[in-house]
């Protein structure tokens, strides 16, 4: 997947952002469940989370935390599919992917 840069962002409260990408895709993403690990610890505070900025095509924070633009793009696209009722591709179970059969 090519890198599609974030061109603008707006804080919507809590841990939610509205993002626009260079290809015109835009939408909301809730990052509250992604704030795990030491680098994301400060972002759990909504006041600190709101201090984001865009640099090198993605969302960054003063402590060095960032999210890959590909991951943000996928989330925005998935949220748009959910809102429009568009079907998501079905995932095969890990057993089906391995071709394993229960004995």
PDB file of N, CA and C in Angstrom:
ATOM      1  N   UNK A   1       0.847  -1.179   0.000  1.00  0.00           N
ATOM      2  CA  UNK A   1       0.000   0.000   0.000  1.00  0.00           C
ATOM      3  C   UNK A   1       0.887   1.235   0.000  1.00  0.00           C
ATOM      4  N   UNK A   2       0.603   2.148  -0.903  1.00  0.00           N
ATOM      5  CA  UNK A   2       1.342   3.407  -0.923  1.00  0.00           C
ATOM      6  C   UNK A   2       0.991   4.237   0.303  1.00  0.00           C
ATOM      7  N   UNK A   3       1.914   5.084   0.706  1.00  0.00           N
ATOM      8  CA  UNK A   3       1.642   5.987   1.820  1.00  0.00           C
ATOM      9  C   UNK A   3       0.734   7.102   1.344  1.00  0.00           C
ATOM     10  N   UNK A   4      -0.366   7.282   2.027  1.00  0.00           N
ATOM     11  CA  UNK A   4      -1.303   8.361   1.728  1.00  0.00           C
ATOM     12  C   UNK A   4      -1.289   9.271   2.945  1.00  0.00           C
ATOM     13  N   UNK A   5      -0.747  10.469   2.764  1.00  0.00           N
ATOM     14  CA  UNK A   5      -0.519  11.378   3.884  1.00  0.00           C
ATOM     15  C   UNK A   5      -1.797  11.980   4.455  1.00  0.00           C
ATOM     16  N   UNK A   6      -1.773  12.197   5.763  1.00  0.00           N
ATOM     17  CA  UNK A   6      -2.797  12.982   6.445  1.00  0.00           C
ATOM     18  C   UNK A   6      -2.509  14.438   6.093  1.00  0.00           C
ATOM     19  N   UNK A   7      -3.510  15.157   5.613  1.00  0.00           N
ATOM     20  CA  UNK A   7      -3.307  16.563   5.252  1.00  0.00           C
ATOM     21  C   UNK A   7      -3.940  17.520   6.249  1.00  0.00           C
ATOM     22  N   UNK A   8      -4.962  17.066   6.973  1.00  0.00           N
ATOM     23  CA  UNK A   8      -5.535  17.902   8.028  1.00  0.00           C
ATOM     24  C   UNK A   8      -6.187  17.013   9.074  1.00  0.00           C
ATOM     25  N   UNK A   9      -6.291  17.557  10.268  1.00  0.00           N
ATOM     26  CA  UNK A   9      -6.854  16.799  11.390  1.00  0.00           C
ATOM     27  C   UNK A   9      -7.513  17.768  12.359  1.00  0.00           C
ATOM     28  N   UNK A  10      -8.523  17.251  13.033  1.00  0.00           N
ATOM     29  CA  UNK A  10      -9.238  18.055  14.025  1.00  0.00           C
ATOM     30  C   UNK A  10      -9.570  17.153  15.207  1.00  0.00           C
ATOM     31  N   UNK A  11      -9.388  17.681  16.410  1.00  0.00           N
ATOM     32  CA  UNK A  11      -9.708  16.925  17.630  1.00  0.00           C
ATOM     33  C   UNK A  11     -11.215  17.001  17.851  1.00  0.00           C
ATOM     34  N   UNK A  12     -11.837  15.855  18.082  1.00  0.00           N
ATOM     35  CA  UNK A  12     -13.286  15.797  18.279  1.00  0.00           C
ATOM     36  C   UNK A  12     -13.669  15.562  19.734  1.00  0.00           C
ATOM     37  N   UNK A  13     -12.677  15.522  20.592  1.00  0.00           N
ATOM     38  CA  UNK A  13     -12.934  15.258  22.005  1.00  0.00           C
ATOM     39  C   UNK A  13     -12.470  13.863  22.373  1.00  0.00           C
ATOM     40  N   UNK A  14     -12.130  13.704  23.631  1.00  0.00           N
ATOM     41  CA  UNK A  14     -11.643  12.399  24.085  1.00  0.00           C
ATOM     42  C   UNK A  14     -10.430  11.974  23.287  1.00  0.00           C
ATOM     43  N   UNK A  15     -10.516  10.807  22.697  1.00  0.00           N
ATOM     44  CA  UNK A  15      -9.417  10.256  21.900  1.00  0.00           C
ATOM     45  C   UNK A  15      -9.839  10.075  20.438  1.00  0.00           C
ATOM     46  N   UNK A  16     -10.744  10.946  20.000  1.00  0.00           N
ATOM     47  CA  UNK A  16     -11.254  10.883  18.632  1.00  0.00           C
ATOM     48  C   UNK A  16     -10.677  12.016  17.793  1.00  0.00           C
ATOM     49  N   UNK A  17     -10.331  11.673  16.557  1.00  0.00           N
ATOM     50  CA  UNK A  17      -9.827  12.653  15.596  1.00  0.00           C
ATOM     51  C   UNK A  17     -10.624  12.551  14.306  1.00  0.00           C
ATOM     52  N   UNK A  18     -10.818  13.669  13.654  1.00  0.00           N
ATOM     53  CA  UNK A  18     -11.307  13.698  12.283  1.00  0.00           C
ATOM     54  C   UNK A  18     -10.080  13.919  11.416  1.00  0.00           C
ATOM     55  N   UNK A  19      -9.901  13.096  10.386  1.00  0.00           N
ATOM     56  CA  UNK A  19      -8.714  13.160   9.535  1.00  0.00           C
ATOM     57  C   UNK A  19      -9.117  13.314   8.075  1.00  0.00           C
ATOM     58  N   UNK A  20      -8.308  14.049   7.321  1.00  0.00           N
ATOM     59  CA  UNK A  20      -8.442  14.113   5.863  1.00  0.00           C
ATOM     60  C   UNK A  20      -7.104  13.684   5.279  1.00  0.00           C
ATOM     61  N   UNK A  21      -7.179  12.849   4.239  1.00  0.00           N
ATOM     62  CA  UNK A  21      -5.983  12.350   3.571  1.00  0.00           C
ATOM     63  C   UNK A  21      -5.835  13.007   2.208  1.00  0.00           C
ATOM     64  N   UNK A  22      -4.630  12.930   1.661  1.00  0.00           N
ATOM     65  CA  UNK A  22      -4.324  13.625   0.419  1.00  0.00           C
ATOM     66  C   UNK A  22      -5.159  13.170  -0.771  1.00  0.00           C
ATOM     67  N   UNK A  23      -5.762  11.987  -0.697  1.00  0.00           N
ATOM     68  CA  UNK A  23      -6.605  11.529  -1.803  1.00  0.00           C
ATOM     69  C   UNK A  23      -8.073  11.926  -1.615  1.00  0.00           C
ATOM     70  N   UNK A  24      -8.364  12.713  -0.563  1.00  0.00           N
ATOM     71  CA  UNK A  24      -9.722  13.185  -0.318  1.00  0.00           C
ATOM     72  C   UNK A  24     -10.515  12.356   0.664  1.00  0.00           C
ATOM     73  N   UNK A  25     -10.033  11.182   1.022  1.00  0.00           N
ATOM     74  CA  UNK A  25     -10.723  10.363   2.026  1.00  0.00           C
ATOM     75  C   UNK A  25     -10.676  11.112   3.346  1.00  0.00           C
ATOM     76  N   UNK A  26     -11.803  11.137   4.026  1.00  0.00           N
ATOM     77  CA  UNK A  26     -11.858  11.802   5.327  1.00  0.00           C
ATOM     78  C   UNK A  26     -12.822  11.078   6.233  1.00  0.00           C
ATOM     79  N   UNK A  27     -12.622  11.241   7.528  1.00  0.00           N
ATOM     80  CA  UNK A  27     -13.516  10.614   8.479  1.00  0.00           C
ATOM     81  C   UNK A  27     -12.946  10.624   9.882  1.00  0.00           C
ATOM     82  N   UNK A  28     -13.690   9.997  10.758  1.00  0.00           N
ATOM     83  CA  UNK A  28     -13.381   9.985  12.182  1.00  0.00           C
ATOM     84  C   UNK A  28     -12.717   8.683  12.585  1.00  0.00           C
ATOM     85  N   UNK A  29     -11.804   8.793  13.543  1.00  0.00           N
ATOM     86  CA  UNK A  29     -11.151   7.609  14.098  1.00  0.00           C
ATOM     87  C   UNK A  29     -11.075   7.778  15.615  1.00  0.00           C
ATOM     88  N   UNK A  30     -11.388   6.719  16.336  1.00  0.00           N
ATOM     89  CA  UNK A  30     -11.297   6.706  17.799  1.00  0.00           C
ATOM     90  C   UNK A  30     -10.072   5.869  18.157  1.00  0.00           C
ATOM     91  N   UNK A  31      -9.088   6.502  18.755  1.00  0.00           N
ATOM     92  CA  UNK A  31      -7.827   5.821  19.071  1.00  0.00           C
ATOM     93  C   UNK A  31      -7.760   5.348  20.522  1.00  0.00           C
ATOM     94  N   UNK A  32      -8.845   5.462  21.262  1.00  0.00           N
ATOM     95  CA  UNK A  32      -8.817   5.142  22.692  1.00  0.00           C
ATOM     96  C   UNK A  32      -8.329   3.724  22.983  1.00  0.00           C
ATOM     97  N   UNK A  33      -8.653   2.765  22.140  1.00  0.00           N
ATOM     98  CA  UNK A  33      -8.243   1.375  22.393  1.00  0.00           C
ATOM     99  C   UNK A  33      -6.834   1.080  21.893  1.00  0.00           C
ATOM    100  N   UNK A  34      -6.203   2.049  21.272  1.00  0.00           N
ATOM    101  CA  UNK A  34      -4.854   1.842  20.722  1.00  0.00           C
ATOM    102  C   UNK A  34      -3.763   2.471  21.574  1.00  0.00           C
ATOM    103  N   UNK A  35      -4.131   3.043  22.692  1.00  0.00           N
ATOM    104  CA  UNK A  35      -3.163   3.770  23.521  1.00  0.00           C
ATOM    105  C   UNK A  35      -2.548   2.852  24.567  1.00  0.00           C
ATOM    106  N   UNK A  36      -1.817   1.851  24.088  1.00  0.00           N
ATOM    107  CA  UNK A  36      -1.147   0.890  24.976  1.00  0.00           C
ATOM    108  C   UNK A  36       0.352   1.071  24.849  1.00  0.00           C
ATOM    109  N   UNK A  37       1.044   0.804  25.922  1.00  0.00           N
ATOM    110  CA  UNK A  37       2.499   0.894  25.926  1.00  0.00           C
ATOM    111  C   UNK A  37       2.983   2.233  26.440  1.00  0.00           C
ATOM    112  N   UNK A  38       4.248   2.291  26.834  1.00  0.00           N
ATOM    113  CA  UNK A  38       4.804   3.482  27.480  1.00  0.00           C
ATOM    114  C   UNK A  38       4.732   4.752  26.634  1.00  0.00           C
ATOM    115  N   UNK A  39       4.972   4.663  25.327  1.00  0.00           N
ATOM    116  CA  UNK A  39       4.983   5.884  24.516  1.00  0.00           C
ATOM    117  C   UNK A  39       3.581   6.490  24.413  1.00  0.00           C
ATOM    118  N   UNK A  40       2.536   5.658  24.526  1.00  0.00           N
ATOM    119  CA  UNK A  40       1.166   6.156  24.417  1.00  0.00           C
ATOM    120  C   UNK A  40       0.546   6.521  25.764  1.00  0.00           C
ATOM    121  N   UNK A  41       1.221   6.197  26.856  1.00  0.00           N
ATOM    122  CA  UNK A  41       0.706   6.494  28.201  1.00  0.00           C
ATOM    123  C   UNK A  41       0.264   7.958  28.347  1.00  0.00           C
ATOM    124  N   UNK A  42       1.093   8.950  27.973  1.00  0.00           N
ATOM    125  CA  UNK A  42       0.666  10.348  28.128  1.00  0.00           C
ATOM    126  C   UNK A  42      -0.576  10.703  27.305  1.00  0.00           C
ATOM    127  N   UNK A  43      -0.808   9.997  26.197  1.00  0.00           N
ATOM    128  CA  UNK A  43      -1.949  10.289  25.330  1.00  0.00           C
ATOM    129  C   UNK A  43      -3.274   9.864  25.942  1.00  0.00           C
ATOM    130  N   UNK A  44      -3.220   9.066  26.992  1.00  0.00           N
ATOM    131  CA  UNK A  44      -4.455   8.667  27.674  1.00  0.00           C
ATOM    132  C   UNK A  44      -5.133   9.861  28.324  1.00  0.00           C
ATOM    133  N   UNK A  45      -4.355  10.905  28.620  1.00  0.00           N
ATOM    134  CA  UNK A  45      -4.912  12.161  29.135  1.00  0.00           C
ATOM    135  C   UNK A  45      -5.461  12.939  27.936  1.00  0.00           C
ATOM    136  N   UNK A  46      -6.784  13.146  27.862  1.00  0.00           N
ATOM    137  CA  UNK A  46      -7.362  13.832  26.706  1.00  0.00           C
ATOM    138  C   UNK A  46      -6.760  15.217  26.440  1.00  0.00           C
ATOM    139  N   UNK A  47      -6.322  15.912  27.476  1.00  0.00           N
ATOM    140  CA  UNK A  47      -5.707  17.231  27.270  1.00  0.00           C
ATOM    141  C   UNK A  47      -4.385  17.093  26.514  1.00  0.00           C
ATOM    142  N   UNK A  48      -3.596  16.077  26.851  1.00  0.00           N
ATOM    143  CA  UNK A  48      -2.342  15.849  26.125  1.00  0.00           C
ATOM    144  C   UNK A  48      -2.632  15.312  24.724  1.00  0.00           C
ATOM    145  N   UNK A  49      -3.613  14.426  24.619  1.00  0.00           N
ATOM    146  CA  UNK A  49      -3.984  13.870  23.320  1.00  0.00           C
ATOM    147  C   UNK A  49      -4.315  14.992  22.327  1.00  0.00           C
ATOM    148  N   UNK A  50      -4.958  16.040  22.817  1.00  0.00           N
ATOM    149  CA  UNK A  50      -5.372  17.168  21.964  1.00  0.00           C
ATOM    150  C   UNK A  50      -4.195  17.987  21.444  1.00  0.00           C
ATOM    151  N   UNK A  51      -2.989  17.733  21.924  1.00  0.00           N
ATOM    152  CA  UNK A  51      -1.809  18.502  21.503  1.00  0.00           C
ATOM    153  C   UNK A  51      -1.136  17.916  20.253  1.00  0.00           C
ATOM    154  N   UNK A  52      -1.852  17.114  19.491  1.00  0.00           N
ATOM    155  CA  UNK A  52      -1.282  16.481  18.300  1.00  0.00           C
ATOM    156  C   UNK A  52      -0.936  17.527  17.239  1.00  0.00           C
ATOM    157  N   UNK A  53      -0.098  17.115  16.315  1.00  0.00           N
ATOM    158  CA  UNK A  53       0.237  17.938  15.143  1.00  0.00           C
ATOM    159  C   UNK A  53       0.538  16.995  13.989  1.00  0.00           C
ATOM    160  N   UNK A  54       0.507  17.519  12.785  1.00  0.00           N
ATOM    161  CA  UNK A  54       0.804  16.710  11.606  1.00  0.00           C
ATOM    162  C   UNK A  54       2.239  16.982  11.182  1.00  0.00           C
ATOM    163  N   UNK A  55       2.997  15.911  11.012  1.00  0.00           N
ATOM    164  CA  UNK A  55       4.372  16.011  10.539  1.00  0.00           C
ATOM    165  C   UNK A  55       4.681  14.754   9.729  1.00  0.00           C
ATOM    166  N   UNK A  56       5.351  14.914   8.626  1.00  0.00           N
ATOM    167  CA  UNK A  56       5.723  13.794   7.753  1.00  0.00           C
ATOM    168  C   UNK A  56       4.519  12.932   7.364  1.00  0.00           C
ATOM    169  N   UNK A  57       3.375  13.582   7.182  1.00  0.00           N
ATOM    170  CA  UNK A  57       2.201  12.900   6.667  1.00  0.00           C
ATOM    171  C   UNK A  57       1.374  12.128   7.653  1.00  0.00           C
ATOM    172  N   UNK A  58       1.659  12.272   8.949  1.00  0.00           N
ATOM    173  CA  UNK A  58       0.843  11.564   9.934  1.00  0.00           C
ATOM    174  C   UNK A  58       0.675  12.396  11.198  1.00  0.00           C
ATOM    175  N   UNK A  59      -0.115  11.874  12.109  1.00  0.00           N
ATOM    176  CA  UNK A  59      -0.411  12.549  13.367  1.00  0.00           C
ATOM    177  C   UNK A  59       0.684  12.206  14.377  1.00  0.00           C
ATOM    178  N   UNK A  60       1.207  13.229  15.034  1.00  0.00           N
ATOM    179  CA  UNK A  60       2.296  13.080  16.012  1.00  0.00           C
ATOM    180  C   UNK A  60       1.941  13.823  17.295  1.00  0.00           C
ATOM    181  N   UNK A  61       2.634  13.492  18.374  1.00  0.00           N
ATOM    182  CA  UNK A  61       2.469  14.175  19.654  1.00  0.00           C
ATOM    183  C   UNK A  61       3.826  14.628  20.161  1.00  0.00           C
ATOM    184  N   UNK A  62       3.828  15.624  21.063  1.00  0.00           N
ATOM    185  CA  UNK A  62       5.092  16.185  21.558  1.00  0.00           C
ATOM    186  C   UNK A  62       6.040  15.173  22.202  1.00  0.00           C
ATOM    187  N   UNK A  63       5.526  14.054  22.705  1.00  0.00           N
ATOM    188  CA  UNK A  63       6.396  13.062  23.349  1.00  0.00           C
ATOM    189  C   UNK A  63       7.013  12.085  22.342  1.00  0.00           C
ATOM    190  N   UNK A  64       6.745  12.268  21.052  1.00  0.00           N
ATOM    191  CA  UNK A  64       7.310  11.391  20.031  1.00  0.00           C
ATOM    192  C   UNK A  64       6.374  10.290  19.560  1.00  0.00           C
ATOM    193  N   UNK A  65       5.213  10.163  20.175  1.00  0.00           N
ATOM    194  CA  UNK A  65       4.241   9.146  19.746  1.00  0.00           C
ATOM    195  C   UNK A  65       3.665   9.535  18.390  1.00  0.00           C
ATOM    196  N   UNK A  66       3.368   8.515  17.597  1.00  0.00           N
ATOM    197  CA  UNK A  66       2.692   8.743  16.323  1.00  0.00           C
ATOM    198  C   UNK A  66       1.989   7.463  15.909  1.00  0.00           C
ATOM    199  N   UNK A  67       1.162   7.568  14.879  1.00  0.00           N
ATOM    200  CA  UNK A  67       0.496   6.413  14.293  1.00  0.00           C
ATOM    201  C   UNK A  67       0.849   6.379  12.819  1.00  0.00           C
ATOM    202  N   UNK A  68       1.097   5.210  12.290  1.00  0.00           N
ATOM    203  CA  UNK A  68       1.394   5.065  10.869  1.00  0.00           C
ATOM    204  C   UNK A  68       0.185   5.522  10.058  1.00  0.00           C
ATOM    205  N   UNK A  69       0.449   6.308   9.024  1.00  0.00           N
ATOM    206  CA  UNK A  69      -0.661   6.826   8.238  1.00  0.00           C
ATOM    207  C   UNK A  69      -1.460   5.708   7.569  1.00  0.00           C
ATOM    208  N   UNK A  70      -0.812   4.588   7.213  1.00  0.00           N
ATOM    209  CA  UNK A  70      -1.548   3.479   6.612  1.00  0.00           C
ATOM    210  C   UNK A  70      -2.597   2.932   7.578  1.00  0.00           C
ATOM    211  N   UNK A  71      -2.230   2.817   8.847  1.00  0.00           N
ATOM    212  CA  UNK A  71      -3.167   2.304   9.852  1.00  0.00           C
ATOM    213  C   UNK A  71      -4.328   3.274  10.045  1.00  0.00           C
ATOM    214  N   UNK A  72      -4.033   4.559  10.089  1.00  0.00           N
ATOM    215  CA  UNK A  72      -5.097   5.550  10.234  1.00  0.00           C
ATOM    216  C   UNK A  72      -6.019   5.529   9.023  1.00  0.00           C
ATOM    217  N   UNK A  73      -5.437   5.424   7.845  1.00  0.00           N
ATOM    218  CA  UNK A  73      -6.212   5.391   6.608  1.00  0.00           C
ATOM    219  C   UNK A  73      -7.160   4.191   6.599  1.00  0.00           C
ATOM    220  N   UNK A  74      -6.636   3.014   6.959  1.00  0.00           N
ATOM    221  CA  UNK A  74      -7.479   1.812   7.010  1.00  0.00           C
ATOM    222  C   UNK A  74      -8.630   1.982   7.990  1.00  0.00           C
ATOM    223  N   UNK A  75      -8.345   2.585   9.133  1.00  0.00           N
ATOM    224  CA  UNK A  75      -9.396   2.784  10.140  1.00  0.00           C
ATOM    225  C   UNK A  75     -10.486   3.732   9.643  1.00  0.00           C
ATOM    226  N   UNK A  76     -10.077   4.818   9.007  1.00  0.00           N
ATOM    227  CA  UNK A  76     -11.061   5.771   8.483  1.00  0.00           C
ATOM    228  C   UNK A  76     -11.911   5.100   7.407  1.00  0.00           C
ATOM    229  N   UNK A  77     -11.268   4.350   6.514  1.00  0.00           N
ATOM    230  CA  UNK A  77     -12.012   3.657   5.455  1.00  0.00           C
ATOM    231  C   UNK A  77     -12.963   2.611   6.058  1.00  0.00           C
ATOM    232  N   UNK A  78     -12.506   1.867   7.062  1.00  0.00           N
ATOM    233  CA  UNK A  78     -13.351   0.859   7.699  1.00  0.00           C
ATOM    234  C   UNK A  78     -14.550   1.512   8.389  1.00  0.00           C
ATOM    235  N   UNK A  79     -14.323   2.630   9.059  1.00  0.00           N
ATOM    236  CA  UNK A  79     -15.420   3.343   9.727  1.00  0.00           C
ATOM    237  C   UNK A  79     -16.431   3.832   8.699  1.00  0.00           C
ATOM    238  N   UNK A  80     -15.964   4.282   7.550  1.00  0.00           N
ATOM    239  CA  UNK A  80     -16.863   4.743   6.495  1.00  0.00           C
ATOM    240  C   UNK A  80     -17.703   3.574   5.974  1.00  0.00           C
ATOM    241  N   UNK A  81     -17.097   2.400   5.794  1.00  0.00           N
ATOM    242  CA  UNK A  81     -17.841   1.220   5.342  1.00  0.00           C
ATOM    243  C   UNK A  81     -18.910   0.843   6.352  1.00  0.00           C
ATOM    244  N   UNK A  82     -18.566   0.930   7.634  1.00  0.00           N
ATOM    245  CA  UNK A  82     -19.513   0.583   8.686  1.00  0.00           C
ATOM    246  C   UNK A  82     -20.703   1.542   8.666  1.00  0.00           C
ATOM    247  N   UNK A  83     -20.421   2.842   8.508  1.00  0.00           N
ATOM    248  CA  UNK A  83     -21.501   3.838   8.483  1.00  0.00           C
ATOM    249  C   UNK A  83     -22.404   3.668   7.276  1.00  0.00           C
ATOM    250  N   UNK A  84     -21.854   3.303   6.131  1.00  0.00           N
ATOM    251  CA  UNK A  84     -22.657   3.177   4.919  1.00  0.00           C
ATOM    252  C   UNK A  84     -23.285   1.801   4.778  1.00  0.00           C
ATOM    253  N   UNK A  85     -22.937   0.877   5.676  1.00  0.00           N
ATOM    254  CA  UNK A  85     -23.496  -0.458   5.613  1.00  0.00           C
ATOM    255  C   UNK A  85     -22.838  -1.345   4.577  1.00  0.00           C
ATOM    256  N   UNK A  86     -21.734  -0.880   4.011  1.00  0.00           N
ATOM    257  CA  UNK A  86     -21.006  -1.678   3.020  1.00  0.00           C
ATOM    258  C   UNK A  86     -20.436  -2.911   3.704  1.00  0.00           C
ATOM    259  N   UNK A  87     -20.531  -4.025   3.060  1.00  0.00           N
ATOM    260  CA  UNK A  87     -20.058  -5.284   3.651  1.00  0.00           C
ATOM    261  C   UNK A  87     -18.543  -5.292   3.768  1.00  0.00           C
ATOM    262  N   UNK A  88     -18.073  -5.818   4.879  1.00  0.00           N
ATOM    263  CA  UNK A  88     -16.634  -6.009   5.068  1.00  0.00           C
ATOM    264  C   UNK A  88     -16.256  -7.366   4.515  1.00  0.00           C
ATOM    265  N   UNK A  89     -15.036  -7.496   4.010  1.00  0.00           N
ATOM    266  CA  UNK A  89     -14.607  -8.819   3.562  1.00  0.00           C
ATOM    267  C   UNK A  89     -14.574  -9.780   4.746  1.00  0.00           C
ATOM    268  N   UNK A  90     -14.984 -10.993   4.538  1.00  0.00           N
ATOM    269  CA  UNK A  90     -14.964 -11.977   5.606  1.00  0.00           C
ATOM    270  C   UNK A  90     -13.556 -12.517   5.776  1.00  0.00           C
ATOM    271  N   UNK A  91     -13.179 -12.722   7.022  1.00  0.00           N
ATOM    272  CA  UNK A  91     -11.864 -13.302   7.312  1.00  0.00           C
ATOM    273  C   UNK A  91     -12.033 -14.790   7.517  1.00  0.00           C
ATOM    274  N   UNK A  92     -11.124 -15.521   6.964  1.00  0.00           N
ATOM    275  CA  UNK A  92     -11.125 -16.963   7.198  1.00  0.00           C
ATOM    276  C   UNK A  92     -10.551 -17.228   8.571  1.00  0.00           C
ATOM    277  N   UNK A  93     -11.025 -18.271   9.198  1.00  0.00           N
ATOM    278  CA  UNK A  93     -10.494 -18.620  10.510  1.00  0.00           C
ATOM    279  C   UNK A  93      -9.045 -19.062  10.366  1.00  0.00           C
ATOM    280  N   UNK A  94      -8.311 -18.998  11.450  1.00  0.00           N
ATOM    281  CA  UNK A  94      -6.907 -19.422  11.404  1.00  0.00           C
ATOM    282  C   UNK A  94      -6.812 -20.901  11.033  1.00  0.00           C
ATOM    283  N   UNK A  95      -7.765 -21.704  11.439  1.00  0.00           N
ATOM    284  CA  UNK A  95      -7.757 -23.121  11.096  1.00  0.00           C
ATOM    285  C   UNK A  95      -7.918 -23.284   9.582  1.00  0.00           C
ATOM    286  N   UNK A  96      -8.819 -22.516   8.981  1.00  0.00           N
ATOM    287  CA  UNK A  96      -9.019 -22.606   7.526  1.00  0.00           C
ATOM    288  C   UNK A  96      -7.783 -22.118   6.776  1.00  0.00           C
ATOM    289  N   UNK A  97      -7.131 -21.072   7.283  1.00  0.00           N
ATOM    290  CA  UNK A  97      -5.922 -20.558   6.627  1.00  0.00           C
ATOM    291  C   UNK A  97      -4.812 -21.599   6.653  1.00  0.00           C
ATOM    292  N   UNK A  98      -4.705 -22.341   7.735  1.00  0.00           N
ATOM    293  CA  UNK A  98      -3.657 -23.349   7.856  1.00  0.00           C
ATOM    294  C   UNK A  98      -4.036 -24.650   7.166  1.00  0.00           C
ATOM    295  N   UNK A  99      -5.310 -24.779   6.846  1.00  0.00           N
ATOM    296  CA  UNK A  99      -5.752 -26.020   6.246  1.00  0.00           C
ATOM    297  C   UNK A  99      -5.846 -27.138   7.274  1.00  0.00           C
ATOM    298  N   UNK A 100      -5.805 -26.777   8.564  1.00  0.00           N
ATOM    299  CA  UNK A 100      -5.830 -27.792   9.630  1.00  0.00           C
ATOM    300  C   UNK A 100      -7.242 -28.316   9.811  1.00  0.00           C
ATOM    301  N   UNK A 101      -7.298 -29.488  10.325  1.00  0.00           N
ATOM    302  CA  UNK A 101      -8.575 -30.127  10.564  1.00  0.00           C
ATOM    303  C   UNK A 101      -8.558 -30.696  11.980  1.00  0.00           C
ATOM    304  N   UNK A 102      -9.629 -30.410  12.716  1.00  0.00           N
ATOM    305  CA  UNK A 102      -9.694 -30.928  14.086  1.00  0.00           C
ATOM    306  C   UNK A 102      -9.791 -32.442  14.057  1.00  0.00           C
ATOM    307  N   UNK A 103      -9.104 -33.075  14.976  1.00  0.00           N
ATOM    308  CA  UNK A 103      -9.107 -34.542  15.031  1.00  0.00           C
ATOM    309  C   UNK A 103      -9.847 -34.992  16.257  1.00  0.00           C
TER     310      UNK A 103
END
